[in-house]
Amino acid sequence: VIIAFLMSCAVGLQAMNRVRCAIIAWIITGSAMAVTGEVHFVLIGFVFQLISQFAECSRAVMGEVVLGGGGLKLDPLSYTLFVAPTCLLVLLVGNAVTWDPAIPARLAHWWPYILPNALLAFVLNILVASIIKEISAVGFILAGVCKDIAIVLFSAVFFAETVTGQQCVGFMVALAGVFFWSYLKVSPDSAAAMVVARLLQMPPESKMPNENSALMPQISANKV
């Protein structure tokens, strides 16, 4: 989350202030509690995941730029059309490095399963682009946090995976932070937003310029 937020601030998609930094720290604290309580922690897996998060956050931020953050303002289908060839090139390189002569025969055998999977992946890419366009890259990453928590809870309920009490508390803290972030986006003038702004000694967010504010005040045609 912090990676996506800092990248968005660097390219001008988000405005950094105390309230947003506090909420990001809130969510990270909950996520850190969940990671600390993991009884099967593997360092190399954590390193790989960190690298993948940098790549995922970069993709999300660049996607927001071209989808509606002052860039090309592409629609989700056009965005997917431009991204798909790059993904295909990377997959072809990986396929060439790990090539197995049995792949064509396996493709002929499993194509009834591979084809629906490919269609599902296409729909997923369209949905990802739509979410980034509508709620920003940071919002997309926060939605991913909720998705990860849902996957862990589903595994605990249906596959008897081990989930510690500390992890449960961390999940609740992170979800509460995501909810409050969304709440401030929807209702920046609410009583809770005012209280938090006063506690952090800053004006309410709605009174401050942000990434959606016009650089110059608009003048009506009647006054010209």
Protein backbone atom coordinates (compact mmCIF):
# COMPACT_ATOMS: atom_id res chain seq x y z
CA VAL A 1 0.00 0.00 0.00
CA ILE A 2 2.72 2.46 0.96
CA ILE A 3 4.57 1.68 -2.28
CA ALA A 4 1.54 2.50 -4.42
CA PHE A 5 0.79 5.63 -2.36
CA LEU A 6 4.34 7.01 -2.63
CA MET A 7 4.47 6.25 -6.36
CA SER A 8 1.12 7.98 -6.87
CA CYS A 9 2.34 11.02 -4.93
CA ALA A 10 5.54 11.08 -6.99
CA VAL A 11 3.63 11.31 -10.28
CA GLY A 12 1.00 13.70 -8.94
CA LEU A 13 -1.95 11.30 -8.72
CA GLN A 14 -2.29 11.61 -4.93
CA ALA A 15 -1.73 14.49 -2.53
CA MET A 16 0.18 13.56 0.60
CA ASN A 17 -1.16 14.88 3.89
CA ARG A 18 -1.20 13.82 7.54
CA VAL A 19 -4.61 12.14 7.42
CA ARG A 20 -3.73 9.94 4.46
CA CYS A 21 -0.32 9.06 5.88
CA ALA A 22 -1.94 8.14 9.20
CA ILE A 23 -4.46 5.85 7.49
CA ILE A 24 -1.74 4.22 5.39
CA ALA A 25 0.28 3.61 8.57
CA TRP A 26 -2.90 2.19 10.16
CA ILE A 27 -3.36 -0.32 7.33
CA ILE A 28 0.33 -1.26 7.28
CA THR A 29 0.24 -1.89 11.03
CA GLY A 30 -2.62 -4.34 10.62
CA SER A 31 -0.89 -6.07 7.71
CA ALA A 32 2.38 -6.29 9.69
CA MET A 33 0.55 -7.88 12.61
CA ALA A 34 -0.81 -10.54 10.26
CA VAL A 35 2.66 -11.23 8.79
CA THR A 36 4.33 -11.36 12.21
CA GLY A 37 1.90 -14.01 13.38
CA GLU A 38 2.52 -16.31 10.42
CA VAL A 39 3.79 -19.65 11.72
CA HIS A 40 5.13 -20.70 8.28
CA PHE A 41 7.12 -17.55 7.46
CA VAL A 42 9.74 -18.08 4.70
CA LEU A 43 12.24 -15.28 4.06
CA ILE A 44 12.88 -16.03 0.37
CA GLY A 45 9.14 -16.08 -0.29
CA PHE A 46 8.80 -12.71 1.44
CA VAL A 47 11.58 -11.26 -0.74
CA PHE A 48 9.95 -12.52 -3.93
CA GLN A 49 6.62 -11.13 -2.79
CA LEU A 50 8.20 -7.74 -2.07
CA ILE A 51 9.68 -7.62 -5.57
CA SER A 52 6.34 -8.59 -7.08
CA GLN A 53 4.61 -5.86 -5.07
CA PHE A 54 6.97 -3.24 -6.52
CA ALA A 55 6.12 -4.49 -10.01
CA GLU A 56 2.37 -4.64 -9.28
CA CYS A 57 2.30 -1.14 -7.78
CA SER A 58 4.26 0.25 -10.74
CA ARG A 59 1.79 -1.35 -13.14
CA ALA A 60 -1.20 0.01 -11.23
CA VAL A 61 0.18 3.55 -11.05
CA MET A 62 1.16 3.60 -14.73
CA GLY A 63 -2.28 2.19 -15.51
CA GLU A 64 -3.95 5.06 -13.66
CA VAL A 65 -1.82 7.55 -15.58
CA VAL A 66 -2.86 6.25 -18.99
CA LEU A 67 -6.46 5.48 -17.97
CA GLY A 68 -7.41 8.84 -16.55
CA GLY A 69 -4.74 10.53 -14.48
CA GLY A 70 -3.84 13.17 -17.04
CA GLY A 71 -2.30 10.78 -19.54
CA LEU A 72 -3.87 9.15 -22.59
CA LYS A 73 -7.26 8.61 -20.89
CA LEU A 74 -7.73 5.19 -22.47
CA ASP A 75 -10.79 3.06 -21.86
CA PRO A 76 -10.29 -0.38 -20.20
CA LEU A 77 -10.49 -2.31 -23.48
CA SER A 78 -7.92 -0.09 -25.22
CA TYR A 79 -5.65 -0.29 -22.17
CA THR A 80 -5.82 -4.10 -22.25
CA LEU A 81 -5.12 -4.05 -25.98
CA PHE A 82 -1.89 -2.11 -25.40
CA VAL A 83 -0.77 -4.17 -22.37
CA ALA A 84 -1.51 -7.64 -23.80
CA PRO A 85 1.37 -7.72 -26.37
CA THR A 86 3.91 -6.88 -23.67
CA CYS A 87 2.56 -9.64 -21.43
CA LEU A 88 2.66 -12.05 -24.37
CA LEU A 89 6.30 -11.20 -25.05
CA VAL A 90 7.28 -11.87 -21.43
CA LEU A 91 5.38 -15.17 -21.44
CA LEU A 92 7.01 -16.23 -24.70
CA VAL A 93 10.47 -15.58 -23.25
CA GLY A 94 9.63 -17.57 -20.13
CA ASN A 95 8.15 -20.35 -22.25
CA ALA A 96 11.29 -20.50 -24.38
CA VAL A 97 13.55 -20.72 -21.32
CA THR A 98 11.50 -23.50 -19.71
CA TRP A 99 10.42 -25.26 -22.93
CA ASP A 100 9.38 -28.89 -22.69
CA PRO A 101 8.76 -30.98 -25.85
CA ALA A 102 5.66 -32.41 -24.17
CA ILE A 103 3.93 -28.99 -24.05
CA PRO A 104 2.14 -29.25 -27.45
CA ALA A 105 0.70 -32.66 -26.56
CA ARG A 106 -0.42 -31.39 -23.15
CA LEU A 107 -2.00 -28.32 -24.79
CA ALA A 108 -3.98 -30.57 -27.14
CA HIS A 109 -5.14 -32.62 -24.16
CA TRP A 110 -6.01 -29.79 -21.74
CA TRP A 111 -7.33 -27.14 -24.15
CA PRO A 112 -10.95 -27.46 -22.87
CA TYR A 113 -9.67 -26.17 -19.52
CA ILE A 114 -7.07 -23.71 -20.85
CA LEU A 115 -9.49 -21.85 -23.11
CA PRO A 116 -12.02 -20.95 -20.35
CA ASN A 117 -9.08 -20.01 -18.12
CA ALA A 118 -7.77 -17.63 -20.81
CA LEU A 119 -11.22 -16.06 -21.19
CA LEU A 120 -11.46 -15.63 -17.44
CA ALA A 121 -8.02 -13.96 -17.40
CA PHE A 122 -9.19 -11.56 -20.13
CA VAL A 123 -12.27 -10.61 -18.09
CA LEU A 124 -10.06 -10.15 -15.02
CA ASN A 125 -7.75 -7.76 -16.91
CA ILE A 126 -10.77 -5.70 -18.04
CA LEU A 127 -12.07 -5.54 -14.46
CA VAL A 128 -8.66 -4.53 -13.11
CA ALA A 129 -8.40 -1.70 -15.63
CA SER A 130 -11.95 -0.57 -14.83
CA ILE A 131 -11.27 -0.52 -11.08
CA ILE A 132 -8.04 1.44 -11.50
CA LYS A 133 -9.82 3.94 -13.74
CA GLU A 134 -12.69 4.42 -11.28
CA ILE A 135 -11.03 4.34 -7.85
CA SER A 136 -7.29 5.00 -8.50
CA ALA A 137 -4.22 2.80 -8.13
CA VAL A 138 -4.15 3.15 -4.34
CA GLY A 139 -7.80 2.11 -4.13
CA PHE A 140 -7.03 -0.91 -6.30
CA ILE A 141 -4.18 -1.97 -3.99
CA LEU A 142 -6.44 -1.53 -0.95
CA ALA A 143 -9.04 -3.73 -2.65
CA GLY A 144 -6.26 -6.27 -3.11
CA VAL A 145 -5.60 -6.21 0.66
CA CYS A 146 -9.26 -7.09 1.26
CA LYS A 147 -9.03 -9.84 -1.36
CA ASP A 148 -5.96 -11.36 0.30
CA ILE A 149 -7.69 -11.36 3.69
CA ALA A 150 -10.74 -13.03 2.17
CA ILE A 151 -8.54 -15.74 0.61
CA VAL A 152 -6.82 -16.46 3.94
CA LEU A 153 -10.14 -16.64 5.79
CA PHE A 154 -11.61 -18.89 3.09
CA SER A 155 -8.61 -21.22 3.38
CA ALA A 156 -8.96 -21.29 7.16
CA VAL A 157 -12.67 -22.17 7.00
CA PHE A 158 -12.70 -24.69 4.14
CA PHE A 159 -9.15 -26.11 4.14
CA ALA A 160 -8.30 -25.91 7.86
CA GLU A 161 -5.27 -23.66 7.32
CA THR A 162 -3.65 -22.35 10.50
CA VAL A 163 -4.64 -18.77 11.38
CA THR A 164 -3.39 -17.33 14.67
CA GLY A 165 -5.25 -14.92 16.89
CA GLN A 166 -2.73 -12.18 16.11
CA GLN A 167 -3.43 -12.62 12.41
CA CYS A 168 -7.17 -12.24 13.00
CA VAL A 169 -6.57 -9.01 14.92
CA GLY A 170 -4.26 -7.77 12.15
CA PHE A 171 -6.92 -8.54 9.53
CA MET A 172 -9.53 -6.57 11.45
CA VAL A 173 -7.17 -3.61 11.91
CA ALA A 174 -6.29 -3.56 8.20
CA LEU A 175 -9.93 -3.87 7.11
CA ALA A 176 -10.91 -1.05 9.47
CA GLY A 177 -8.20 1.13 7.91
CA VAL A 178 -9.39 0.35 4.38
CA PHE A 179 -12.97 1.16 5.42
CA PHE A 180 -11.93 4.49 6.94
CA TRP A 181 -9.93 5.41 3.81
CA SER A 182 -13.00 4.75 1.67
CA TYR A 183 -15.23 6.59 4.13
CA LEU A 184 -13.07 9.73 3.96
CA LYS A 185 -13.14 9.57 0.16
CA VAL A 186 -16.94 9.37 0.13
CA SER A 187 -17.65 11.77 3.03
CA PRO A 188 -14.71 14.17 3.50
CA ASP A 189 -16.96 16.59 5.43
CA SER A 190 -18.22 14.00 7.93
CA ALA A 191 -17.85 14.43 11.68
CA ALA A 192 -15.25 11.63 11.84
CA ALA A 193 -13.15 13.32 9.14
CA MET A 194 -13.29 16.64 11.01
CA VAL A 195 -12.25 14.99 14.28
CA VAL A 196 -9.29 13.22 12.68
CA ALA A 197 -8.22 16.42 10.91
CA ARG A 198 -8.33 18.36 14.18
CA LEU A 199 -6.38 15.65 16.02
CA LEU A 200 -3.67 15.85 13.36
CA GLN A 201 -3.78 19.67 13.43
CA MET A 202 -4.67 20.17 9.79
CA PRO A 203 -7.65 21.65 7.92
CA PRO A 204 -10.35 19.26 6.70
CA GLU A 205 -9.37 17.52 3.49
CA SER A 206 -12.32 18.93 1.55
CA LYS A 207 -11.06 22.48 2.23
CA MET A 208 -7.59 21.74 0.90
CA PRO A 209 -6.44 21.49 -2.73
CA ASN A 210 -6.02 17.91 -3.87
CA GLU A 211 -5.25 15.98 -7.05
CA ASN A 212 -8.75 16.73 -8.37
CA SER A 213 -8.66 20.48 -7.71
CA ALA A 214 -8.54 22.90 -10.64
CA LEU A 215 -5.29 24.84 -10.96
CA MET A 216 -7.26 28.05 -11.67
CA PRO A 217 -10.78 28.96 -10.50
CA GLN A 218 -13.42 28.55 -13.17
CA ILE A 219 -15.09 31.75 -14.39
CA SER A 220 -18.66 31.52 -15.57
CA ALA A 221 -19.57 32.74 -19.03
CA ASN A 222 -21.86 35.44 -17.56
CA LYS A 223 -18.93 37.19 -15.87
CA VAL A 224 -16.74 37.30 -18.97
